[in-house]
Amino acid sequence: MAPHLQEKISVREVTKRQRLLHRPTLKQVFADSQTKKMRNVAMARAYREYGYTQAEIARTLDLHYATVSRLIKAGEDKMSKGKM
């Protein structure tokens, strides 16, 4: 058993491509976003949980990346103040 465990220990780095292999597509993430509030929550989830870049999210939603950045930050601010 020890040789198998040693093999697992030696692999410490997992590429970003492998880590994000099973994430949903952005189309799937935003499928149920019928309101701006729902869209903004999905936007934050896509960025924080699934590792999409703000530029990728912006292209999908046809928004400027700075707008995406501001909306994600505003959502984080509301959550830290307990308003959501």
C-alpha atoms as a PDB file:
ATOM      1  CA  MET A   1       0.000   0.000   0.000  1.00  0.00           C
ATOM      2  CA  ALA A   2       2.870   2.371   0.789  1.00  0.00           C
ATOM      3  CA  PRO A   3       4.060   2.643  -2.860  1.00  0.00           C
ATOM      4  CA  HIS A   4       0.574   3.703  -3.945  1.00  0.00           C
ATOM      5  CA  LEU A   5       0.348   6.327  -1.221  1.00  0.00           C
ATOM      6  CA  GLN A   6       3.788   7.666  -2.079  1.00  0.00           C
ATOM      7  CA  GLU A   7       2.652   8.077  -5.677  1.00  0.00           C
ATOM      8  CA  LYS A   8      -0.325  10.171  -4.531  1.00  0.00           C
ATOM      9  CA  ILE A   9       1.794  12.339  -2.250  1.00  0.00           C
ATOM     10  CA  SER A  10       4.269  13.189  -5.009  1.00  0.00           C
ATOM     11  CA  VAL A  11       1.525  14.769  -7.165  1.00  0.00           C
ATOM     12  CA  ARG A  12       1.020  18.109  -5.447  1.00  0.00           C
ATOM     13  CA  GLU A  13       0.012  20.366  -8.285  1.00  0.00           C
ATOM     14  CA  VAL A  14      -3.187  20.076 -10.238  1.00  0.00           C
ATOM     15  CA  THR A  15      -3.446  22.213 -13.340  1.00  0.00           C
ATOM     16  CA  LYS A  16      -6.208  24.789 -13.582  1.00  0.00           C
ATOM     17  CA  ARG A  17      -7.593  22.952 -16.580  1.00  0.00           C
ATOM     18  CA  GLN A  18      -7.973  19.761 -14.539  1.00  0.00           C
ATOM     19  CA  ARG A  19      -9.450  21.555 -11.504  1.00  0.00           C
ATOM     20  CA  LEU A  20     -12.097  23.250 -13.609  1.00  0.00           C
ATOM     21  CA  LEU A  21     -12.910  20.283 -15.844  1.00  0.00           C
ATOM     22  CA  HIS A  22     -16.329  19.518 -14.339  1.00  0.00           C
ATOM     23  CA  ARG A  23     -17.615  23.041 -13.835  1.00  0.00           C
ATOM     24  CA  PRO A  24     -20.873  24.025 -15.528  1.00  0.00           C
ATOM     25  CA  THR A  25     -20.804  26.229 -18.602  1.00  0.00           C
ATOM     26  CA  LEU A  26     -21.605  29.903 -18.154  1.00  0.00           C
ATOM     27  CA  LYS A  27     -24.789  29.330 -20.137  1.00  0.00           C
ATOM     28  CA  GLN A  28     -25.838  26.773 -17.518  1.00  0.00           C
ATOM     29  CA  VAL A  29     -24.866  29.065 -14.628  1.00  0.00           C
ATOM     30  CA  PHE A  30     -27.039  31.895 -15.985  1.00  0.00           C
ATOM     31  CA  ALA A  31     -29.925  29.703 -17.235  1.00  0.00           C
ATOM     32  CA  ASP A  32     -32.279  30.538 -14.336  1.00  0.00           C
ATOM     33  CA  SER A  33     -31.330  34.213 -14.022  1.00  0.00           C
ATOM     34  CA  GLN A  34     -34.620  35.912 -14.761  1.00  0.00           C
ATOM     35  CA  THR A  35     -33.969  39.091 -12.771  1.00  0.00           C
ATOM     36  CA  LYS A  36     -30.932  41.303 -12.335  1.00  0.00           C
ATOM     37  CA  LYS A  37     -30.607  40.187  -8.727  1.00  0.00           C
ATOM     38  CA  MET A  38     -30.555  36.525  -9.769  1.00  0.00           C
ATOM     39  CA  ARG A  39     -28.081  37.365 -12.534  1.00  0.00           C
ATOM     40  CA  ASN A  40     -25.787  39.115 -10.065  1.00  0.00           C
ATOM     41  CA  VAL A  41     -25.862  36.144  -7.678  1.00  0.00           C
ATOM     42  CA  ALA A  42     -25.079  33.793 -10.576  1.00  0.00           C
ATOM     43  CA  MET A  43     -22.301  36.153 -11.657  1.00  0.00           C
ATOM     44  CA  ALA A  44     -20.661  36.021  -8.232  1.00  0.00           C
ATOM     45  CA  ARG A  45     -21.036  32.230  -8.148  1.00  0.00           C
ATOM     46  CA  ALA A  46     -19.452  31.882 -11.605  1.00  0.00           C
ATOM     47  CA  TYR A  47     -16.524  34.004 -10.465  1.00  0.00           C
ATOM     48  CA  ARG A  48     -15.997  32.680  -6.924  1.00  0.00           C
ATOM     49  CA  GLU A  49     -17.089  29.036  -7.095  1.00  0.00           C
ATOM     50  CA  TYR A  50     -16.413  28.055 -10.684  1.00  0.00           C
ATOM     51  CA  GLY A  51     -13.319  30.138 -11.412  1.00  0.00           C
ATOM     52  CA  TYR A  52     -14.541  32.018 -14.459  1.00  0.00           C
ATOM     53  CA  THR A  53     -12.778  35.300 -15.141  1.00  0.00           C
ATOM     54  CA  GLN A  54     -14.663  38.559 -15.060  1.00  0.00           C
ATOM     55  CA  ALA A  55     -13.862  38.994 -18.759  1.00  0.00           C
ATOM     56  CA  GLU A  56     -15.431  35.599 -19.594  1.00  0.00           C
ATOM     57  CA  ILE A  57     -18.541  36.504 -17.614  1.00  0.00           C
ATOM     58  CA  ALA A  58     -18.700  39.931 -19.276  1.00  0.00           C
ATOM     59  CA  ARG A  59     -18.531  38.419 -22.775  1.00  0.00           C
ATOM     60  CA  THR A  60     -21.304  35.955 -21.931  1.00  0.00           C
ATOM     61  CA  LEU A  61     -23.597  38.662 -20.551  1.00  0.00           C
ATOM     62  CA  ASP A  62     -22.609  41.305 -23.121  1.00  0.00           C
ATOM     63  CA  LEU A  63     -21.412  43.634 -20.367  1.00  0.00           C
ATOM     64  CA  HIS A  64     -18.143  45.486 -19.839  1.00  0.00           C
ATOM     65  CA  TYR A  65     -15.723  43.679 -17.540  1.00  0.00           C
ATOM     66  CA  ALA A  66     -15.596  46.730 -15.251  1.00  0.00           C
ATOM     67  CA  THR A  67     -19.374  46.488 -14.802  1.00  0.00           C
ATOM     68  CA  VAL A  68     -19.034  42.824 -13.856  1.00  0.00           C
ATOM     69  CA  SER A  69     -16.300  43.744 -11.376  1.00  0.00           C
ATOM     70  CA  ARG A  70     -18.439  46.444  -9.744  1.00  0.00           C
ATOM     71  CA  LEU A  71     -21.488  44.184  -9.486  1.00  0.00           C
ATOM     72  CA  ILE A  72     -19.504  41.363  -7.897  1.00  0.00           C
ATOM     73  CA  LYS A  73     -17.901  43.789  -5.434  1.00  0.00           C
ATOM     74  CA  ALA A  74     -21.273  45.341  -4.570  1.00  0.00           C
ATOM     75  CA  GLY A  75     -22.699  41.884  -3.883  1.00  0.00           C
ATOM     76  CA  GLU A  76     -19.767  41.032  -1.636  1.00  0.00           C
ATOM     77  CA  ASP A  77     -20.212  44.307   0.250  1.00  0.00           C
ATOM     78  CA  LYS A  78     -23.906  43.572   0.826  1.00  0.00           C
ATOM     79  CA  MET A  79     -23.142  40.045   2.019  1.00  0.00           C
ATOM     80  CA  SER A  80     -20.471  41.278   4.452  1.00  0.00           C
ATOM     81  CA  LYS A  81     -22.956  43.777   5.895  1.00  0.00           C
ATOM     82  CA  GLY A  82     -25.645  41.097   6.194  1.00  0.00           C
ATOM     83  CA  LYS A  83     -28.048  42.709   3.731  1.00  0.00           C
ATOM     84  CA  MET A  84     -28.588  39.648   1.524  1.00  0.00           C
END
